[in-house]
Amino acid sequence: MILRGINRYSATFLAILLALAVLVPAMNLGLPPSNPFHVPTYVVTLFGKYLTFALLALSVDLIWGFAGILSLGHGAFFALGGYAMGMYLMRQIGSRGVYGNPDLPDFMVFLNWQELPWYWYGFDNFAFAMVMVALMPGMLAFVFGWFAFRSRVTGVYLSIITQAMTYALLLAFFRNDMGFGGNNGLTDFKDILGFNIQADETRAALFAASAIALAAGFVICRAVVSSKFGKVLVGVRDAESRTRFLGYRVEHYKLFVWTLSAVLAGVAGALYVPQVGIINPSEFAPANSIEVVIWVAVGGRGTLVGPVIGAVLVNYAKTYFTGALPDLWLFALGGLFVAVTLFLPKGIVGAVVQAMTYRRAAAPSAADLREASEDAEAGVDTDTLAGKPQAAE
């Protein structure tokens, strides 16, 4: 049932993702560095990070492109998922830390903490940590959405309070007494599931996991938007008052898709942290959430595939230009957003789909040509305005 909404183009996209999940690790681990098809480990890690950004962009497109909810604070859910994974990785260090304490992370020893806080219990277990990866952002989103949507907060006002939410979390996580590493955050990870986090095999496995998670997230989003539930979401996006007057509980639909989107963002954050090796409060910065919106706009809002492409392209350009032109990158990013808004309002994928639609509408199909030929042979005038055949003279 969940695969009902997968069309030919979606299936092609999924096939590409799953092929990358297999081929890239194989080309990294199975080919020697001298081989021209060898993929270096740093490239595997870099594009693995891009895939987590793509999943984050997909989660934003689910609410913005199909429900009309513009979130400027989705980086909060991404960071919460990252902190849940970071807490698990910190518990795996044990006595190998700088201070050699088997129970307390190094930053707690440095700050003279005497015992592990209660909210760190259980994070030495991978299964528990993975539940928290989904539960922490999901619960925050549910509580936030419950009050916001029941109060019928919409439009720019909702966007502002989502930004306020992530900024409040930024300030809270900066505090040392919160027990999350303060300004420095969580870092110096050693192992994940008993494997060296710096090993090439682990990096390749994390890339494959990111690609598979993105594919799974895409399937879930596609199933949602192609169902009857998704049709109601589009109605909410285009005419919320009319949809409400038709008898739909609009706040329930928005709350569900908002919470699902937050869970997907949390999973993206959890896959991001072991690949970059750190999580700190800067991930809560409102500018990060605004940048995600730009990825979605560039790729194509409301297309699902577009945000994935936009996230990869924009971040690859960011990686290149921050090295080549570090002082001009932010100006280039702002100019890109303005250019897309003016000249590609539907994004890259939206523009391509629109061009294909126009081309298909302008070019007569084979069936139309065959019908016209048969009509001509029968003496039918196909130019009549009524579209009815006239008897040949």
Protein backbone atom coordinates (compact mmCIF):
# COMPACT_ATOMS: atom_id res chain seq x y z
CA MET A 1 0.00 0.00 0.00
CA ILE A 2 2.84 2.38 0.82
CA LEU A 3 4.24 1.90 -2.71
CA ARG A 4 0.97 2.89 -4.39
CA GLY A 5 2.14 6.46 -5.03
CA ILE A 6 5.43 5.44 -6.67
CA ASN A 7 5.30 6.35 -10.37
CA ARG A 8 7.90 5.79 -13.06
CA TYR A 9 9.93 8.88 -12.22
CA SER A 10 9.87 8.16 -8.50
CA ALA A 11 10.97 4.59 -9.14
CA THR A 12 13.88 5.87 -11.24
CA PHE A 13 14.91 8.25 -8.48
CA LEU A 14 14.77 5.46 -5.88
CA ALA A 15 16.77 3.15 -8.13
CA ILE A 16 19.49 5.80 -8.44
CA LEU A 17 19.64 6.25 -4.66
CA LEU A 18 19.86 2.53 -3.97
CA ALA A 19 22.48 2.11 -6.70
CA LEU A 20 24.55 4.86 -5.07
CA ALA A 21 24.19 3.11 -1.70
CA VAL A 22 25.87 0.06 -3.22
CA LEU A 23 28.24 1.43 -5.85
CA VAL A 24 29.89 4.28 -3.95
CA PRO A 25 31.00 2.13 -0.99
CA ALA A 26 32.12 -0.59 -3.42
CA MET A 27 34.17 1.91 -5.44
CA ASN A 28 35.67 3.24 -2.21
CA LEU A 29 36.55 -0.06 -0.55
CA GLY A 30 36.93 -2.42 -3.49
CA LEU A 31 39.11 -0.37 -5.84
CA PRO A 32 42.70 0.73 -5.18
CA PRO A 33 43.47 4.48 -5.04
CA SER A 34 45.33 4.18 -8.35
CA ASN A 35 42.13 3.10 -10.13
CA PRO A 36 40.42 6.01 -11.95
CA PHE A 37 37.02 4.85 -10.62
CA HIS A 38 38.16 4.83 -6.99
CA VAL A 39 36.09 7.14 -4.76
CA PRO A 40 38.21 8.70 -1.97
CA THR A 41 36.97 8.43 1.59
CA TYR A 42 36.67 12.20 2.00
CA VAL A 43 34.30 12.30 -0.99
CA VAL A 44 32.22 9.51 0.53
CA THR A 45 31.96 11.46 3.79
CA LEU A 46 31.23 14.74 2.02
CA PHE A 47 28.40 13.38 -0.10
CA GLY A 48 27.10 11.34 2.83
CA LYS A 49 26.66 14.68 4.61
CA TYR A 50 24.88 16.05 1.54
CA LEU A 51 22.44 13.13 1.64
CA THR A 52 21.51 13.97 5.23
CA PHE A 53 20.89 17.56 4.14
CA ALA A 54 18.73 16.20 1.32
CA LEU A 55 16.60 14.29 3.84
CA LEU A 56 16.24 17.48 5.88
CA ALA A 57 15.17 19.40 2.76
CA LEU A 58 12.67 16.63 1.95
CA SER A 59 11.12 17.00 5.39
CA VAL A 60 10.67 20.74 4.85
CA ASP A 61 9.16 20.21 1.41
CA LEU A 62 6.58 17.84 2.89
CA ILE A 63 5.11 20.61 5.04
CA TRP A 64 5.85 23.66 2.90
CA GLY A 65 5.22 22.26 -0.56
CA PHE A 66 2.09 20.27 0.26
CA ALA A 67 0.59 21.80 3.41
CA GLY A 68 1.68 25.43 3.06
CA ILE A 69 3.51 25.43 6.42
CA LEU A 70 6.68 27.48 6.05
CA SER A 71 9.02 26.50 8.88
CA LEU A 72 12.02 28.67 9.64
CA GLY A 73 13.03 26.50 12.58
CA HIS A 74 13.42 22.99 11.23
CA GLY A 75 17.08 23.09 12.14
CA ALA A 76 15.90 22.57 15.74
CA PHE A 77 14.56 19.09 14.96
CA PHE A 78 17.68 18.29 12.94
CA ALA A 79 19.88 19.32 15.86
CA LEU A 80 17.83 17.39 18.44
CA GLY A 81 18.23 14.20 16.43
CA GLY A 82 21.93 14.98 16.18
CA TYR A 83 22.25 15.48 19.93
CA ALA A 84 20.50 12.15 20.59
CA MET A 85 23.06 10.41 18.38
CA GLY A 86 25.89 12.44 19.92
CA MET A 87 24.87 11.36 23.42
CA TYR A 88 25.05 7.72 22.35
CA LEU A 89 28.47 8.24 20.78
CA MET A 90 29.73 10.02 23.91
CA ARG A 91 28.64 7.11 26.10
CA GLN A 92 30.65 4.76 23.87
CA ILE A 93 33.91 6.57 24.68
CA GLY A 94 34.00 5.27 28.25
CA SER A 95 37.41 5.37 29.91
CA ARG A 96 39.16 6.30 26.64
CA GLY A 97 38.45 9.98 27.21
CA VAL A 98 41.05 12.54 28.21
CA TYR A 99 40.20 12.19 31.92
CA GLY A 100 39.67 8.43 31.81
CA ASN A 101 36.31 8.52 33.60
CA PRO A 102 34.27 5.46 32.53
CA ASP A 103 30.90 7.04 33.39
CA LEU A 104 31.15 10.77 32.72
CA PRO A 105 31.98 12.47 29.41
CA ASP A 106 35.09 14.66 29.48
CA PHE A 107 33.20 17.95 29.55
CA MET A 108 31.29 16.85 32.66
CA VAL A 109 34.54 15.92 34.42
CA PHE A 110 36.01 19.29 33.45
CA LEU A 111 32.96 21.07 34.91
CA ASN A 112 33.18 19.03 38.14
CA TRP A 113 29.95 17.11 37.63
CA GLN A 114 29.77 14.32 40.20
CA GLU A 115 27.27 12.02 38.50
CA LEU A 116 25.63 11.44 35.17
CA PRO A 117 22.37 13.41 34.72
CA TRP A 118 19.22 11.28 34.65
CA TYR A 119 18.41 12.28 31.06
CA TRP A 120 21.66 10.66 29.90
CA TYR A 121 20.57 7.25 31.20
CA GLY A 122 19.91 4.68 28.51
CA PHE A 123 22.01 6.35 25.83
CA ASP A 124 24.65 3.67 26.17
CA ASN A 125 22.16 1.44 24.32
CA PHE A 126 21.93 1.94 20.56
CA ALA A 127 18.26 0.90 20.27
CA PHE A 128 17.25 3.35 23.02
CA ALA A 129 19.24 6.13 21.35
CA MET A 130 17.53 5.49 18.01
CA VAL A 131 14.13 5.69 19.66
CA MET A 132 15.16 9.04 21.14
CA VAL A 133 16.34 10.23 17.71
CA ALA A 134 12.73 10.06 16.56
CA LEU A 135 10.98 10.74 19.87
CA MET A 136 12.79 13.93 20.92
CA PRO A 137 12.07 16.00 17.79
CA GLY A 138 8.70 14.29 17.34
CA MET A 139 7.51 15.21 20.84
CA LEU A 140 8.73 18.80 20.53
CA ALA A 141 6.96 19.13 17.17
CA PHE A 142 3.77 17.58 18.53
CA VAL A 143 3.58 19.90 21.54
CA PHE A 144 4.51 22.97 19.49
CA GLY A 145 2.07 22.08 16.71
CA TRP A 146 -0.74 21.22 19.13
CA PHE A 147 -0.78 24.76 20.51
CA ALA A 148 0.06 26.55 17.26
CA PHE A 149 -2.44 24.82 14.97
CA ARG A 150 -5.27 24.75 17.52
CA SER A 151 -4.75 28.51 17.88
CA ARG A 152 -4.91 28.77 14.07
CA VAL A 153 -1.55 30.48 13.80
CA THR A 154 -0.63 30.52 10.11
CA GLY A 155 1.47 32.29 7.52
CA VAL A 156 4.29 34.58 8.51
CA TYR A 157 3.29 34.46 12.18
CA LEU A 158 3.88 30.72 12.31
CA SER A 159 7.21 31.13 10.52
CA ILE A 160 8.32 33.71 13.08
CA ILE A 161 7.47 31.57 16.10
CA THR A 162 9.26 28.55 14.60
CA GLN A 163 12.33 30.74 14.28
CA ALA A 164 11.88 31.90 17.85
CA MET A 165 11.67 28.26 18.96
CA THR A 166 15.01 27.30 17.42
CA TYR A 167 16.66 30.47 18.75
CA ALA A 168 15.44 29.68 22.26
CA LEU A 169 16.93 26.20 21.99
CA LEU A 170 20.17 27.73 20.72
CA LEU A 171 20.44 29.86 23.85
CA ALA A 172 19.52 26.95 26.12
CA PHE A 173 22.07 24.53 24.67
CA PHE A 174 24.81 27.13 24.96
CA ARG A 175 24.51 26.91 28.75
CA ASN A 176 27.04 24.62 30.44
CA ASP A 177 24.58 23.65 33.15
CA MET A 178 22.27 22.06 30.56
CA GLY A 179 24.60 19.06 30.43
CA PHE A 180 25.14 18.99 26.66
CA GLY A 181 28.66 20.35 26.39
CA GLY A 182 27.78 24.04 26.21
CA ASN A 183 29.42 26.01 23.42
CA ASN A 184 31.76 23.15 22.48
CA GLY A 185 28.99 20.60 22.16
CA LEU A 186 29.69 16.87 21.84
CA THR A 187 32.75 15.60 19.96
CA ASP A 188 35.78 13.29 20.06
CA PHE A 189 33.67 10.27 19.12
CA LYS A 190 35.39 6.89 18.97
CA ASP A 191 33.02 4.07 18.03
CA ILE A 192 29.57 3.39 16.66
CA LEU A 193 28.17 -0.10 17.26
CA GLY A 194 31.67 -1.20 18.15
CA PHE A 195 33.24 -0.02 14.86
CA ASN A 196 35.89 2.68 14.62
CA ILE A 197 34.07 5.78 13.47
CA GLN A 198 37.12 6.97 11.50
CA ALA A 199 37.57 3.72 9.55
CA ASP A 200 36.92 3.71 5.81
CA GLU A 201 34.46 0.83 6.20
CA THR A 202 32.44 2.78 8.76
CA ARG A 203 32.38 5.88 6.56
CA ALA A 204 31.14 3.82 3.62
CA ALA A 205 28.47 2.19 5.80
CA LEU A 206 27.27 5.60 7.01
CA PHE A 207 27.02 6.80 3.40
CA ALA A 208 24.95 3.74 2.50
CA ALA A 209 22.74 4.26 5.57
CA SER A 210 22.18 7.91 4.58
CA ALA A 211 21.19 6.94 1.03
CA ILE A 212 18.82 4.24 2.28
CA ALA A 213 17.29 6.60 4.87
CA LEU A 214 16.73 9.20 2.14
CA ALA A 215 15.08 6.58 -0.07
CA ALA A 216 12.84 5.44 2.81
CA GLY A 217 11.94 9.04 3.64
CA PHE A 218 11.08 9.69 0.00
CA VAL A 219 8.81 6.62 -0.13
CA ILE A 220 7.01 7.71 3.05
CA CYS A 221 6.53 11.28 1.78
CA ARG A 222 5.36 10.05 -1.60
CA ALA A 223 2.85 7.71 0.02
CA VAL A 224 1.50 10.56 2.14
CA VAL A 225 1.11 13.16 -0.62
CA SER A 226 -0.39 10.72 -3.16
CA SER A 227 -3.06 9.47 -0.75
CA LYS A 228 -6.44 10.99 0.09
CA PHE A 229 -4.74 12.48 3.11
CA GLY A 230 -2.34 14.26 0.77
CA LYS A 231 -5.19 15.67 -1.29
CA VAL A 232 -6.63 17.22 1.84
CA LEU A 233 -3.20 18.68 2.64
CA VAL A 234 -3.12 20.35 -0.76
CA GLY A 235 -6.59 21.71 -0.05
CA VAL A 236 -5.31 23.11 3.24
CA ARG A 237 -2.39 24.69 1.41
CA ASP A 238 -4.51 26.31 -1.29
CA ALA A 239 -7.68 27.18 0.64
CA GLU A 240 -7.50 26.41 4.34
CA SER A 241 -10.74 28.19 5.27
CA ARG A 242 -12.71 26.42 2.56
CA THR A 243 -11.26 23.05 3.56
CA ARG A 244 -12.26 23.75 7.17
CA PHE A 245 -15.79 24.69 6.11
CA LEU A 246 -16.08 21.38 4.26
CA GLY A 247 -15.82 19.63 7.61
CA TYR A 248 -12.17 18.60 7.77
CA ARG A 249 -10.29 18.97 11.05
CA VAL A 250 -7.49 20.97 9.48
CA GLU A 251 -5.42 21.18 12.66
CA HIS A 252 -5.24 17.36 12.86
CA TYR A 253 -3.92 17.05 9.32
CA LYS A 254 -1.35 19.77 9.88
CA LEU A 255 -0.27 18.34 13.23
CA PHE A 256 0.33 14.88 11.79
CA VAL A 257 2.38 16.02 8.80
CA TRP A 258 4.29 18.54 10.96
CA THR A 259 5.26 15.82 13.45
CA LEU A 260 6.23 13.38 10.68
CA SER A 261 8.39 16.06 9.10
CA ALA A 262 10.15 16.68 12.42
CA VAL A 263 10.91 12.97 12.83
CA LEU A 264 12.46 12.84 9.35
CA ALA A 265 14.57 15.89 10.22
CA GLY A 266 15.70 14.18 13.43
CA VAL A 267 16.80 11.07 11.53
CA ALA A 268 18.76 13.30 9.16
CA GLY A 269 20.51 14.93 12.12
CA ALA A 270 21.37 11.55 13.63
CA LEU A 271 23.06 10.43 10.41
CA TYR A 272 24.83 13.78 10.06
CA VAL A 273 26.64 13.74 13.42
CA PRO A 274 28.83 10.60 13.07
CA GLN A 275 29.92 11.73 9.60
CA VAL A 276 31.04 15.22 10.65
CA GLY A 277 32.24 14.18 14.11
CA ILE A 278 30.63 16.95 16.16
CA ILE A 279 27.31 18.44 17.25
CA ASN A 280 27.11 21.83 18.95
CA PRO A 281 24.54 24.61 19.49
CA SER A 282 25.43 26.30 16.19
CA GLU A 283 23.19 23.72 14.50
CA PHE A 284 20.23 25.51 16.12
CA ALA A 285 21.16 28.82 14.44
CA PRO A 286 18.11 30.29 12.65
CA ALA A 287 20.26 30.97 9.57
CA ASN A 288 20.66 27.21 9.08
CA SER A 289 16.89 26.74 8.93
CA ILE A 290 16.52 29.59 6.45
CA GLU A 291 19.19 27.99 4.29
CA VAL A 292 17.14 24.78 4.14
CA VAL A 293 14.22 26.77 2.74
CA ILE A 294 16.55 28.03 0.02
CA TRP A 295 17.50 24.45 -0.90
CA VAL A 296 13.83 23.58 -1.28
CA ALA A 297 13.09 26.69 -3.35
CA VAL A 298 16.04 26.10 -5.66
CA GLY A 299 15.18 22.46 -6.26
CA GLY A 300 11.45 22.91 -6.59
CA ARG A 301 8.86 23.24 -3.86
CA GLY A 302 6.16 20.57 -3.87
CA THR A 303 8.08 18.09 -6.04
CA LEU A 304 9.87 15.90 -3.42
CA VAL A 305 12.69 15.17 -5.87
CA GLY A 306 13.49 18.86 -6.27
CA PRO A 307 14.55 19.54 -2.65
CA VAL A 308 16.95 16.59 -2.79
CA ILE A 309 18.58 17.99 -5.92
CA GLY A 310 18.56 21.53 -4.50
CA ALA A 311 20.21 20.45 -1.24
CA VAL A 312 23.01 18.58 -3.02
CA LEU A 313 23.65 21.31 -5.61
CA VAL A 314 23.60 24.25 -3.20
CA ASN A 315 25.82 22.51 -0.64
CA TYR A 316 28.27 21.39 -3.29
CA ALA A 317 28.45 24.99 -4.51
CA LYS A 318 28.89 26.12 -0.92
CA THR A 319 31.78 23.70 -0.42
CA TYR A 320 33.46 24.94 -3.59
CA PHE A 321 32.90 28.67 -3.19
CA THR A 322 33.71 28.84 0.53
CA GLY A 323 37.16 27.63 -0.46
CA ALA A 324 37.54 29.70 -3.62
CA LEU A 325 35.63 32.85 -2.61
CA PRO A 326 34.93 32.66 1.14
CA ASP A 327 34.03 36.34 1.51
CA LEU A 328 31.46 36.29 -1.28
CA TRP A 329 29.62 33.02 -0.60
CA LEU A 330 26.80 34.55 1.47
CA PHE A 331 26.19 37.16 -1.22
CA ALA A 332 26.11 34.43 -3.84
CA LEU A 333 23.60 32.45 -1.76
CA GLY A 334 21.33 35.45 -1.38
CA GLY A 335 21.61 36.26 -5.07
CA LEU A 336 20.76 32.66 -5.92
CA PHE A 337 17.58 32.82 -3.86
CA VAL A 338 16.52 36.09 -5.49
CA ALA A 339 17.28 34.75 -8.98
CA VAL A 340 15.29 31.58 -8.37
CA THR A 341 12.35 33.56 -6.99
CA LEU A 342 12.30 35.85 -10.04
CA PHE A 343 13.17 33.50 -12.89
CA LEU A 344 12.48 29.98 -11.59
CA PRO A 345 9.56 30.35 -9.16
CA LYS A 346 8.91 26.60 -9.35
CA GLY A 347 12.56 25.66 -8.92
CA ILE A 348 14.74 23.52 -11.15
CA VAL A 349 12.54 20.44 -11.19
CA GLY A 350 9.34 22.49 -11.43
CA ALA A 351 10.69 24.34 -14.47
CA VAL A 352 11.72 21.09 -16.15
CA VAL A 353 8.32 19.50 -15.51
CA GLN A 354 6.54 22.60 -16.82
CA ALA A 355 8.67 22.61 -19.98
CA MET A 356 7.95 18.92 -20.55
CA THR A 357 4.23 19.52 -20.06
CA TYR A 358 4.19 22.35 -22.60
CA ARG A 359 6.15 20.27 -25.07
CA ARG A 360 3.84 17.30 -24.65
CA ALA A 361 0.78 19.52 -25.09
CA ALA A 362 2.21 21.18 -28.21
CA ALA A 363 3.34 17.98 -29.92
CA PRO A 364 0.48 15.77 -31.18
CA SER A 365 0.65 12.21 -29.94
CA ALA A 366 0.88 9.19 -32.21
CA ALA A 367 -2.74 8.37 -31.43
CA ASP A 368 -3.82 11.89 -32.48
CA LEU A 369 -1.92 11.63 -35.75
CA ARG A 370 -3.37 8.20 -36.47
CA GLU A 371 -6.90 9.45 -35.75
CA ALA A 372 -6.36 12.48 -37.98
CA SER A 373 -5.11 10.23 -40.78
CA GLU A 374 -8.12 7.97 -40.48
CA ASP A 375 -10.45 10.98 -40.48
CA ALA A 376 -8.76 12.34 -43.58
CA GLU A 377 -9.18 9.05 -45.37
CA ALA A 378 -12.84 8.99 -44.37
CA GLY A 379 -13.35 12.54 -45.63
CA VAL A 380 -13.85 14.09 -42.18
CA ASP A 381 -13.19 17.82 -41.71
CA THR A 382 -11.09 18.00 -38.52
CA ASP A 383 -11.06 21.83 -38.47
CA THR A 384 -14.69 22.32 -37.48
CA LEU A 385 -15.15 24.28 -34.31
CA ALA A 386 -17.70 21.86 -33.01
CA GLY A 387 -15.31 19.01 -33.42
CA LYS A 388 -17.96 16.91 -35.25
CA PRO A 389 -17.37 15.18 -38.58
CA GLN A 390 -19.02 16.60 -41.66
CA ALA A 391 -19.98 14.55 -44.64
CA ALA A 392 -17.58 14.77 -47.54
CA GLU A 393 -18.87 16.48 -50.58
